[in-house]
Amino acid sequence: MLSIWRKRALSILLVLVLALGWVPSHAGGFAPDGDGFDFEAYMQELSLLVWDTWDTDYIFEVELRPDDPEMTVNGETVEIDPGRGTAPYISDEYRTMLPVHVLTELLDIEASFDPQTHDISITSDGADITLRPGSDTMTVNGRRVRLDTPPEARNGRVFVPIGAMADSLLYDVGYISEGRRIKLTKPYQTKRLILNTGGASLESFGPIHGVTQTIEGPDNTYILQFDSELDTRDAMEHLESAAEYCEPDILVSIDAYRSWGVERIGADRYQQYLAPAANTLPRITVAVLDTGVDASHPFLAGRVTAGWNLIHGNNNPRDGEGHGTHVAGTIAETASGNVSIMPVKVLDDNGSGSSSVVNAGIRYAADNGA
């Protein structure tokens, strides 16, 4: 099923506009902060970590609807149960029931059926689950968990309440009333946390189980890489109450939609309004945090400043996907000539990245006069 995936989901338009910019002499590179922090070295170390641990089978998003035999996986439409027409349904207790094999196949994890006891056993990263059709309890790592709605056998498939099952398999479930959509995401699949200690030492938080690599960032920020998703979630629960903030390094991606255009937002009329003052308008730098920018495009001639590639750790923010160039073109067309584009490549040539890299890109842009 994962062979049809396409890296897109969490729809983002990463355009940072901090007006009245001036571009200092170090634009296009990194400058140490007041404490002498080497941001360039941090970014290079972070890039190596993110892309060395990158998994082409990441689940960006799964979306499904009750009574719909199709779902979308990373933006691609697939049948839930090819050839059988199986669909999720709403139970009498108003719980969304999903065929258990959907989750196990998405995760490529082991599942077995005992014909004697009718038990279904599921083994995943950090979770051993046993459940039985008709039983209002299941066991997770030896712990009994009560279910509001028991699993039910229908048409040769076992359906389980999606909330309880998803939580055990480290999914997050989101419900969207418009279109009765249900979204599944996996916040811990990068096995990485972004931690801000608020000025305290990292050691003051005590032992953090499962950490395989730690990178110290600016402003009391640390990137923590773990060995498993379960260790990542457990550490998150341990750290978030004591730290300034702690969050999973989630996946981000461009989406497939396109702009409504300059006429729709009245940008052409605004440019006409500004025209008499064109020679006195201040220089403004707009940072585009995206897949990069093709500075050689004729439409962008003279409008692109130096930038940075946070994917490969160099000063060549080329665009191998096209989305960042599209965004930059929209800005160039909707803004007067006093506005320049600073390309900051935070997404790879499939349009994907992680929030830690995006955060560093925002820091780079702000430090360099956007």
Protein backbone atom coordinates (compact mmCIF):
# COMPACT_ATOMS: atom_id res chain seq x y z
CA MET A 1 0.00 0.00 0.00
CA LEU A 2 2.81 2.40 0.83
CA SER A 3 4.25 2.13 -2.68
CA ILE A 4 1.71 4.69 -3.89
CA TRP A 5 2.56 7.29 -1.26
CA ARG A 6 3.40 10.83 -2.19
CA LYS A 7 5.02 13.13 0.31
CA ARG A 8 2.39 15.71 0.96
CA ALA A 9 -0.11 16.28 3.71
CA LEU A 10 0.16 18.91 6.40
CA SER A 11 -0.67 21.73 4.05
CA ILE A 12 1.73 24.60 4.59
CA LEU A 13 2.66 27.74 2.72
CA LEU A 14 5.94 28.62 4.36
CA VAL A 15 6.28 32.32 3.55
CA LEU A 16 7.81 34.52 6.27
CA VAL A 17 7.25 38.24 5.78
CA LEU A 18 9.03 40.51 8.26
CA ALA A 19 8.77 43.97 6.76
CA LEU A 20 11.25 46.88 6.62
CA GLY A 21 14.14 44.51 6.17
CA TRP A 22 17.76 45.40 5.63
CA VAL A 23 20.20 42.77 4.48
CA PRO A 24 23.40 42.79 6.57
CA SER A 25 26.79 41.93 5.17
CA HIS A 26 26.52 38.29 6.24
CA ALA A 27 23.33 37.62 4.23
CA GLY A 28 23.50 34.21 2.62
CA GLY A 29 25.42 32.74 5.55
CA PHE A 30 25.26 32.56 9.30
CA ALA A 31 26.50 34.96 11.93
CA PRO A 32 27.31 33.95 15.52
CA ASP A 33 24.83 35.31 18.04
CA GLY A 34 25.79 37.45 21.00
CA ASP A 35 26.95 34.39 22.92
CA GLY A 36 29.06 33.18 20.01
CA PHE A 37 26.72 30.30 19.16
CA ASP A 38 27.73 28.69 15.85
CA PHE A 39 24.38 28.45 14.09
CA GLU A 40 25.90 27.16 10.86
CA ALA A 41 27.47 24.20 12.64
CA TYR A 42 24.15 23.51 14.40
CA MET A 43 22.23 23.59 11.12
CA GLN A 44 24.66 21.28 9.40
CA GLU A 45 24.51 18.80 12.28
CA LEU A 46 20.71 18.97 12.31
CA SER A 47 20.51 18.43 8.54
CA LEU A 48 22.71 15.35 8.80
CA LEU A 49 20.58 13.93 11.60
CA VAL A 50 17.23 14.57 9.89
CA TRP A 51 18.21 13.13 6.54
CA ASP A 52 20.29 10.25 7.89
CA THR A 53 17.20 9.06 9.79
CA TRP A 54 14.68 9.88 7.03
CA ASP A 55 12.24 7.08 6.23
CA THR A 56 10.62 6.88 2.80
CA ASP A 57 7.67 5.02 4.36
CA TYR A 58 6.58 7.87 6.62
CA ILE A 59 2.82 8.28 7.02
CA PHE A 60 2.10 11.95 6.45
CA GLU A 61 -1.66 11.63 6.73
CA VAL A 62 -4.48 9.12 6.32
CA GLU A 63 -7.97 10.46 5.71
CA LEU A 64 -11.18 8.43 5.65
CA ARG A 65 -14.93 8.82 6.03
CA PRO A 66 -17.62 6.57 7.49
CA ASP A 67 -19.36 4.46 4.82
CA ASP A 68 -16.70 5.34 2.23
CA PRO A 69 -14.78 2.32 0.85
CA GLU A 70 -11.89 4.58 -0.19
CA MET A 71 -9.35 6.54 1.84
CA THR A 72 -6.40 8.79 1.05
CA VAL A 73 -2.89 7.88 2.15
CA ASN A 74 -0.37 10.73 1.78
CA GLY A 75 -2.73 12.34 -0.71
CA GLU A 76 -3.31 9.27 -2.89
CA THR A 77 -6.74 7.63 -3.04
CA VAL A 78 -6.79 3.88 -2.37
CA GLU A 79 -9.42 1.27 -1.59
CA ILE A 80 -9.72 0.35 2.06
CA ASP A 81 -10.31 -3.29 1.18
CA PRO A 82 -9.66 -3.88 -2.54
CA GLY A 83 -12.42 -5.85 -4.20
CA ARG A 84 -14.58 -6.14 -1.09
CA GLY A 85 -16.06 -2.66 -0.67
CA THR A 86 -15.37 -2.63 3.08
CA ALA A 87 -15.90 0.77 4.73
CA PRO A 88 -15.66 2.26 8.25
CA TYR A 89 -18.94 2.72 10.07
CA ILE A 90 -20.37 4.44 13.16
CA SER A 91 -21.31 2.12 16.03
CA ASP A 92 -24.40 2.42 18.22
CA GLU A 93 -22.14 4.12 20.79
CA TYR A 94 -21.12 6.69 18.15
CA ARG A 95 -17.62 5.27 17.80
CA THR A 96 -15.94 5.08 14.42
CA MET A 97 -15.16 1.45 13.64
CA LEU A 98 -12.26 0.67 11.31
CA PRO A 99 -11.07 -2.68 9.93
CA VAL A 100 -8.06 -3.63 12.02
CA HIS A 101 -6.09 -4.73 8.96
CA VAL A 102 -6.04 -1.14 7.66
CA LEU A 103 -3.84 0.02 10.52
CA THR A 104 -1.64 -3.05 10.48
CA GLU A 105 -1.04 -2.84 6.72
CA LEU A 106 -0.34 0.89 6.89
CA LEU A 107 2.26 0.26 9.56
CA ASP A 108 3.54 -2.94 7.97
CA ILE A 109 3.33 -4.69 11.33
CA GLU A 110 2.60 -8.26 12.29
CA ALA A 111 -0.92 -9.42 13.00
CA SER A 112 -2.13 -12.98 13.61
CA PHE A 113 -5.42 -14.75 14.29
CA ASP A 114 -5.84 -17.67 16.67
CA PRO A 115 -8.64 -19.90 15.31
CA GLN A 116 -9.07 -21.59 18.70
CA THR A 117 -9.59 -18.50 20.86
CA HIS A 118 -10.46 -16.04 18.04
CA ASP A 119 -7.83 -13.69 19.52
CA ILE A 120 -6.12 -11.21 17.22
CA SER A 121 -2.55 -10.41 18.19
CA ILE A 122 -0.76 -7.30 16.90
CA THR A 123 2.92 -6.60 17.45
CA SER A 124 4.39 -3.20 16.64
CA ASP A 125 7.16 -0.87 17.78
CA GLY A 126 6.53 -0.73 21.50
CA ALA A 127 3.06 -2.29 21.55
CA ASP A 128 1.85 -5.88 21.92
CA ILE A 129 -1.93 -5.89 21.54
CA THR A 130 -4.43 -8.71 21.93
CA LEU A 131 -8.16 -8.29 21.24
CA ARG A 132 -11.17 -10.47 20.54
CA PRO A 133 -14.43 -9.79 18.69
CA GLY A 134 -17.24 -9.19 21.18
CA SER A 135 -14.93 -8.49 24.13
CA ASP A 136 -15.06 -5.04 25.71
CA THR A 137 -11.41 -5.24 26.80
CA MET A 138 -8.09 -5.65 25.05
CA THR A 139 -4.58 -5.99 26.43
CA VAL A 140 -1.77 -3.58 25.53
CA ASN A 141 1.68 -4.65 26.76
CA GLY A 142 0.00 -6.87 29.33
CA ARG A 143 -2.25 -4.08 30.61
CA ARG A 144 -6.01 -4.48 30.30
CA VAL A 145 -7.73 -1.62 28.47
CA ARG A 146 -11.51 -1.25 28.52
CA LEU A 147 -13.24 -0.43 25.23
CA ASP A 148 -16.41 1.66 24.91
CA THR A 149 -17.33 -0.46 21.91
CA PRO A 150 -16.12 -4.06 21.54
CA PRO A 151 -14.52 -5.22 18.28
CA GLU A 152 -17.04 -6.66 15.86
CA ALA A 153 -16.72 -9.21 13.07
CA ARG A 154 -18.42 -8.17 9.84
CA ASN A 155 -18.16 -9.79 6.42
CA GLY A 156 -14.97 -11.60 7.28
CA ARG A 157 -13.26 -8.51 8.75
CA VAL A 158 -12.76 -7.44 12.36
CA PHE A 159 -13.66 -3.81 13.08
CA VAL A 160 -12.21 -1.97 16.09
CA PRO A 161 -12.94 1.46 17.62
CA ILE A 162 -10.45 3.69 15.88
CA GLY A 163 -9.69 5.91 18.89
CA ALA A 164 -8.52 3.18 21.23
CA MET A 165 -6.64 1.28 18.55
CA ALA A 166 -4.94 4.34 17.09
CA ASP A 167 -3.74 5.49 20.51
CA SER A 168 -2.19 2.08 21.20
CA LEU A 169 -0.37 2.22 17.86
CA LEU A 170 0.81 5.83 18.47
CA TYR A 171 -1.48 7.49 15.93
CA ASP A 172 -3.29 10.78 16.55
CA VAL A 173 -6.92 10.95 15.45
CA GLY A 174 -8.56 14.17 14.29
CA TYR A 175 -12.23 14.61 13.51
CA ILE A 176 -13.40 17.25 11.02
CA SER A 177 -17.13 17.90 10.95
CA GLU A 178 -17.03 19.18 7.37
CA GLY A 179 -17.45 16.10 5.24
CA ARG A 180 -17.32 13.84 8.34
CA ARG A 181 -13.62 13.36 7.74
CA ILE A 182 -11.29 11.46 10.05
CA LYS A 183 -7.56 12.12 9.88
CA LEU A 184 -4.82 9.88 11.21
CA THR A 185 -1.28 11.15 11.73
CA LYS A 186 1.79 9.76 13.49
CA PRO A 187 3.44 12.55 15.50
CA TYR A 188 6.32 10.45 16.85
CA GLN A 189 7.43 8.64 13.72
CA THR A 190 10.56 10.77 13.26
CA LYS A 191 11.54 9.52 16.76
CA ARG A 192 12.67 13.06 17.53
CA LEU A 193 11.69 15.81 19.98
CA ILE A 194 12.32 19.55 20.03
CA LEU A 195 12.96 20.59 23.63
CA ASN A 196 13.41 24.03 25.12
CA THR A 197 14.70 23.90 28.69
CA GLY A 198 13.85 27.49 29.56
CA GLY A 199 17.43 28.11 30.66
CA ALA A 200 17.83 25.02 32.81
CA SER A 201 20.56 22.52 32.02
CA LEU A 202 19.55 19.43 30.12
CA GLU A 203 20.97 17.31 32.94
CA SER A 204 18.48 18.86 35.37
CA PHE A 205 15.67 16.89 33.69
CA GLY A 206 17.26 13.65 34.80
CA PRO A 207 17.89 10.56 32.66
CA ILE A 208 15.94 10.54 29.40
CA HIS A 209 15.45 6.94 28.34
CA GLY A 210 16.10 5.93 24.74
CA VAL A 211 18.02 9.00 23.52
CA THR A 212 20.52 8.07 20.81
CA GLN A 213 21.70 11.56 19.84
CA THR A 214 21.40 15.07 21.27
CA ILE A 215 22.06 18.32 19.39
CA GLU A 216 22.29 21.60 21.27
CA GLY A 217 20.59 24.45 19.43
CA PRO A 218 20.18 28.18 20.03
CA ASP A 219 18.21 29.76 22.86
CA ASN A 220 18.13 26.73 25.21
CA THR A 221 16.80 24.44 22.49
CA TYR A 222 17.82 20.80 22.08
CA ILE A 223 17.04 18.22 19.42
CA LEU A 224 16.66 14.73 20.90
CA GLN A 225 16.75 11.63 18.68
CA PHE A 226 15.33 8.40 20.10
CA ASP A 227 15.52 4.73 19.35
CA SER A 228 11.77 4.11 19.07
CA GLU A 229 8.44 5.89 18.77
CA LEU A 230 7.39 4.61 22.18
CA ASP A 231 10.52 6.03 23.82
CA THR A 232 9.82 9.32 22.05
CA ARG A 233 6.26 9.52 23.35
CA ASP A 234 7.25 8.50 26.86
CA ALA A 235 9.98 11.16 26.93
CA MET A 236 7.50 13.74 25.65
CA GLU A 237 5.14 12.96 28.53
CA HIS A 238 8.04 13.17 30.97
CA LEU A 239 9.46 16.46 29.67
CA GLU A 240 6.53 18.60 28.56
CA SER A 241 5.36 19.58 32.05
CA ALA A 242 8.83 20.59 33.28
CA ALA A 243 10.27 22.22 30.15
CA GLU A 244 9.53 25.58 28.57
CA TYR A 245 8.11 23.52 25.73
CA CYS A 246 8.58 20.08 24.25
CA GLU A 247 7.05 18.89 21.00
CA PRO A 248 7.57 16.09 18.47
CA ASP A 249 9.53 16.95 15.35
CA ILE A 250 6.55 16.44 13.06
CA LEU A 251 6.57 16.06 9.29
CA VAL A 252 5.65 18.97 7.05
CA SER A 253 4.91 19.09 3.34
CA ILE A 254 3.57 21.27 0.57
CA ASP A 255 0.06 20.70 -0.69
CA ALA A 256 -1.21 20.52 -4.25
CA TYR A 257 -3.44 23.58 -4.33
CA ARG A 258 -2.64 26.70 -6.34
CA SER A 259 -3.12 30.43 -5.79
CA TRP A 260 -6.29 32.27 -6.74
CA GLY A 261 -4.15 34.87 -8.45
CA VAL A 262 -3.37 38.54 -8.22
CA GLU A 263 -6.73 39.76 -9.46
CA ARG A 264 -8.59 37.78 -6.83
CA ILE A 265 -6.80 39.59 -3.98
CA GLY A 266 -6.67 42.96 -5.74
CA ALA A 267 -2.86 43.12 -5.80
CA ASP A 268 -2.83 44.78 -9.21
CA ARG A 269 -4.95 47.67 -7.92
CA TYR A 270 -2.73 47.98 -4.85
CA GLN A 271 0.36 48.29 -7.04
CA GLN A 272 -1.31 51.06 -8.99
CA TYR A 273 -2.02 52.80 -5.69
CA LEU A 274 1.66 52.55 -4.70
CA ALA A 275 3.06 53.57 -8.10
CA PRO A 276 3.42 57.32 -7.39
CA ALA A 277 5.64 56.55 -4.37
CA ALA A 278 7.64 53.76 -6.02
CA ASN A 279 11.00 55.54 -5.72
CA THR A 280 10.60 56.25 -2.00
CA LEU A 281 9.34 52.89 -0.81
CA PRO A 282 11.67 51.15 1.67
CA ARG A 283 13.47 47.98 0.64
CA ILE A 284 11.70 44.91 1.99
CA THR A 285 12.99 41.34 1.99
CA VAL A 286 10.49 38.49 2.04
CA ALA A 287 11.82 35.07 3.01
CA VAL A 288 10.21 32.13 1.24
CA LEU A 289 10.62 28.98 3.34
CA ASP A 290 9.84 26.24 0.89
CA THR A 291 11.49 23.93 -1.66
CA GLY A 292 13.92 26.65 -2.77
CA VAL A 293 13.67 29.23 -5.56
CA ASP A 294 14.84 29.14 -9.18
CA ALA A 295 16.60 32.51 -9.23
CA SER A 296 17.32 32.13 -12.98
CA HIS A 297 13.64 32.31 -13.86
CA PRO A 298 13.10 35.42 -16.04
CA PHE A 299 10.05 36.42 -14.04
CA LEU A 300 12.24 36.74 -10.92
CA ALA A 301 15.11 38.61 -12.54
CA GLY A 302 16.67 41.08 -10.09
CA ARG A 303 14.26 40.12 -7.32
CA VAL A 304 16.12 37.26 -5.54
CA THR A 305 18.72 37.84 -2.80
CA ALA A 306 21.22 35.41 -1.31
CA GLY A 307 19.66 32.58 0.70
CA TRP A 308 20.43 29.23 2.23
CA ASN A 309 19.80 25.53 1.60
CA LEU A 310 19.02 23.91 4.95
CA ILE A 311 18.50 20.53 3.33
CA HIS A 312 22.07 20.18 2.08
CA GLY A 313 23.73 22.74 4.36
CA ASN A 314 25.02 25.14 1.70
CA ASN A 315 24.25 28.53 0.14
CA ASN A 316 22.60 27.13 -3.01
CA PRO A 317 18.83 27.09 -2.31
CA ARG A 318 17.96 25.58 -5.68
CA ASP A 319 14.39 24.44 -6.31
CA GLY A 320 14.10 20.86 -7.51
CA GLU A 321 10.33 20.66 -7.04
CA GLY A 322 8.90 23.98 -8.27
CA HIS A 323 6.60 24.96 -5.41
CA GLY A 324 8.97 27.50 -3.85
CA THR A 325 9.50 29.16 -7.23
CA HIS A 326 5.72 29.30 -7.68
CA VAL A 327 5.33 31.00 -4.30
CA ALA A 328 8.16 33.42 -5.06
CA GLY A 329 6.53 34.26 -8.39
CA THR A 330 3.24 34.99 -6.66
CA ILE A 331 5.00 37.36 -4.26
CA ALA A 332 6.92 39.08 -7.07
CA GLU A 333 3.72 39.59 -9.07
CA THR A 334 1.69 40.87 -6.13
CA ALA A 335 4.36 43.17 -4.67
CA SER A 336 6.12 46.27 -5.95
CA GLY A 337 9.73 46.29 -7.12
CA ASN A 338 11.00 47.31 -3.68
CA VAL A 339 10.27 43.77 -2.44
CA SER A 340 13.00 41.14 -2.82
CA ILE A 341 12.80 37.38 -2.30
CA MET A 342 15.13 35.53 0.09
CA PRO A 343 15.02 31.78 -0.74
CA VAL A 344 15.36 29.47 2.26
CA LYS A 345 15.15 25.81 1.28
CA VAL A 346 13.60 23.85 4.16
CA LEU A 347 11.78 21.18 2.12
CA ASP A 348 13.38 18.55 -0.10
CA ASP A 349 12.67 17.99 -3.78
CA ASN A 350 9.59 15.93 -2.87
CA GLY A 351 8.22 18.90 -0.90
CA SER A 352 8.82 17.31 2.50
CA GLY A 353 10.76 18.14 5.63
CA SER A 354 10.50 18.36 9.38
CA SER A 355 9.46 21.09 11.77
CA SER A 356 12.94 21.33 13.32
CA VAL A 357 14.41 22.31 9.95
CA VAL A 358 11.59 24.79 9.32
CA ASN A 359 12.22 26.34 12.74
CA ALA A 360 15.90 26.78 11.92
CA GLY A 361 14.96 28.30 8.55
CA ILE A 362 12.80 30.91 10.24
CA ARG A 363 15.68 31.73 12.58
CA TYR A 364 18.06 32.04 9.61
CA ALA A 365 15.67 34.36 7.77
CA ALA A 366 15.11 36.62 10.76
CA ASP A 367 18.83 36.78 11.53
CA ASN A 368 19.56 37.75 7.94
CA GLY A 369 17.21 40.68 7.59
CA ALA A 370 13.96 39.28 6.23
